[in-house]
Amino acid sequence: MLFRSAIGGTDLTKKEHFLYGSDRESVLQTITSGRHGVMPAFEGNLKPEEIKAISVYTFSFAAKPPPLPQP
């Protein structure tokens, strides 16, 4: 089950929330080509360098463990 934050986005610090993989290639493929009519494809709408920047930013969440709760 996916839990969403107060603003409606998926918690990308949890790798299990990446339905199609949290590795760099999967994130890039999702942004470029979209997924099953739910995630739109951005190829042709964004420049290749913009797609890469979004991919790197998104992957950075999957690459780091979530912060520890503060006591």
C-alpha atoms as a PDB file:
ATOM      1  CA  MET A   1       0.000   0.000   0.000  1.00  0.00           C
ATOM      2  CA  LEU A   2       1.314   3.447  -0.864  1.00  0.00           C
ATOM      3  CA  PHE A   3       1.127   6.087   1.813  1.00  0.00           C
ATOM      4  CA  ARG A   4       1.008   9.657   0.621  1.00  0.00           C
ATOM      5  CA  SER A   5       2.175  12.780   2.371  1.00  0.00           C
ATOM      6  CA  ALA A   6      -0.127  15.621   3.314  1.00  0.00           C
ATOM      7  CA  ILE A   7       0.362  17.240  -0.114  1.00  0.00           C
ATOM      8  CA  GLY A   8      -0.503  14.078  -2.028  1.00  0.00           C
ATOM      9  CA  GLY A   9       2.903  12.885  -3.256  1.00  0.00           C
ATOM     10  CA  THR A  10       4.418   9.449  -2.787  1.00  0.00           C
ATOM     11  CA  ASP A  11       7.245   9.168  -0.248  1.00  0.00           C
ATOM     12  CA  LEU A  12      10.192   8.642  -2.601  1.00  0.00           C
ATOM     13  CA  THR A  13      12.577   7.825   0.230  1.00  0.00           C
ATOM     14  CA  LYS A  14      11.009   4.348   0.340  1.00  0.00           C
ATOM     15  CA  LYS A  15      12.270   2.170  -2.502  1.00  0.00           C
ATOM     16  CA  GLU A  16       9.177  -0.030  -2.326  1.00  0.00           C
ATOM     17  CA  HIS A  17       7.105   2.931  -3.544  1.00  0.00           C
ATOM     18  CA  PHE A  18       8.903   2.902  -6.901  1.00  0.00           C
ATOM     19  CA  LEU A  19       6.560   0.540  -8.738  1.00  0.00           C
ATOM     20  CA  TYR A  20       8.791   0.130 -11.788  1.00  0.00           C
ATOM     21  CA  GLY A  21      12.181   0.160 -10.041  1.00  0.00           C
ATOM     22  CA  SER A  22      14.248   2.659  -8.109  1.00  0.00           C
ATOM     23  CA  ASP A  23      17.469   2.266 -10.093  1.00  0.00           C
ATOM     24  CA  ARG A  24      18.664   5.096 -12.350  1.00  0.00           C
ATOM     25  CA  GLU A  25      17.636   3.445 -15.612  1.00  0.00           C
ATOM     26  CA  SER A  26      14.097   2.678 -14.379  1.00  0.00           C
ATOM     27  CA  VAL A  27      13.571   6.231 -13.114  1.00  0.00           C
ATOM     28  CA  LEU A  28      14.840   7.689 -16.405  1.00  0.00           C
ATOM     29  CA  GLN A  29      12.637   5.315 -18.443  1.00  0.00           C
ATOM     30  CA  THR A  30       9.554   6.221 -16.389  1.00  0.00           C
ATOM     31  CA  ILE A  31      10.072   9.951 -16.880  1.00  0.00           C
ATOM     32  CA  THR A  32      10.950   9.633 -20.569  1.00  0.00           C
ATOM     33  CA  SER A  33       8.278   7.162 -21.695  1.00  0.00           C
ATOM     34  CA  GLY A  34       5.625   7.268 -18.981  1.00  0.00           C
ATOM     35  CA  ARG A  35       3.870   4.245 -17.484  1.00  0.00           C
ATOM     36  CA  HIS A  36       0.618   2.606 -18.584  1.00  0.00           C
ATOM     37  CA  GLY A  37      -1.319   5.803 -19.153  1.00  0.00           C
ATOM     38  CA  VAL A  38      -0.937   6.916 -15.519  1.00  0.00           C
ATOM     39  CA  MET A  39       2.452   8.651 -15.637  1.00  0.00           C
ATOM     40  CA  PRO A  40       2.676  10.845 -18.729  1.00  0.00           C
ATOM     41  CA  ALA A  41       5.665  10.608 -21.050  1.00  0.00           C
ATOM     42  CA  PHE A  42       7.814  13.719 -21.044  1.00  0.00           C
ATOM     43  CA  GLU A  43       9.893  12.895 -24.112  1.00  0.00           C
ATOM     44  CA  GLY A  44       9.160  15.630 -26.652  1.00  0.00           C
ATOM     45  CA  ASN A  45       7.779  17.936 -23.952  1.00  0.00           C
ATOM     46  CA  LEU A  46      11.040  18.458 -22.082  1.00  0.00           C
ATOM     47  CA  LYS A  47      14.589  18.820 -23.352  1.00  0.00           C
ATOM     48  CA  PRO A  48      16.857  15.790 -22.778  1.00  0.00           C
ATOM     49  CA  GLU A  49      18.860  17.748 -20.189  1.00  0.00           C
ATOM     50  CA  GLU A  50      15.642  18.609 -18.309  1.00  0.00           C
ATOM     51  CA  ILE A  51      14.605  14.942 -18.252  1.00  0.00           C
ATOM     52  CA  LYS A  52      18.060  14.022 -16.966  1.00  0.00           C
ATOM     53  CA  ALA A  53      17.878  16.684 -14.233  1.00  0.00           C
ATOM     54  CA  ILE A  54      14.472  15.417 -13.064  1.00  0.00           C
ATOM     55  CA  SER A  55      15.721  11.819 -13.153  1.00  0.00           C
ATOM     56  CA  VAL A  56      18.801  12.645 -11.076  1.00  0.00           C
ATOM     57  CA  TYR A  57      16.684  14.592  -8.580  1.00  0.00           C
ATOM     58  CA  THR A  58      14.126  11.772  -8.259  1.00  0.00           C
ATOM     59  CA  PHE A  59      16.816   9.081  -8.025  1.00  0.00           C
ATOM     60  CA  SER A  60      18.508  11.028  -5.231  1.00  0.00           C
ATOM     61  CA  PHE A  61      15.516  10.273  -2.993  1.00  0.00           C
ATOM     62  CA  ALA A  62      15.719   6.541  -3.682  1.00  0.00           C
ATOM     63  CA  ALA A  63      19.477   6.481  -3.166  1.00  0.00           C
ATOM     64  CA  LYS A  64      19.398   7.845   0.388  1.00  0.00           C
ATOM     65  CA  PRO A  65      17.985   6.147   3.450  1.00  0.00           C
ATOM     66  CA  PRO A  66      15.158   8.147   5.049  1.00  0.00           C
ATOM     67  CA  PRO A  67      16.155  10.474   7.885  1.00  0.00           C
ATOM     68  CA  LEU A  68      15.889   9.104  11.394  1.00  0.00           C
ATOM     69  CA  PRO A  69      13.009  10.446  13.482  1.00  0.00           C
ATOM     70  CA  GLN A  70      14.028  13.131  15.948  1.00  0.00           C
ATOM     71  CA  PRO A  71      13.340  12.336  19.623  1.00  0.00           C
END
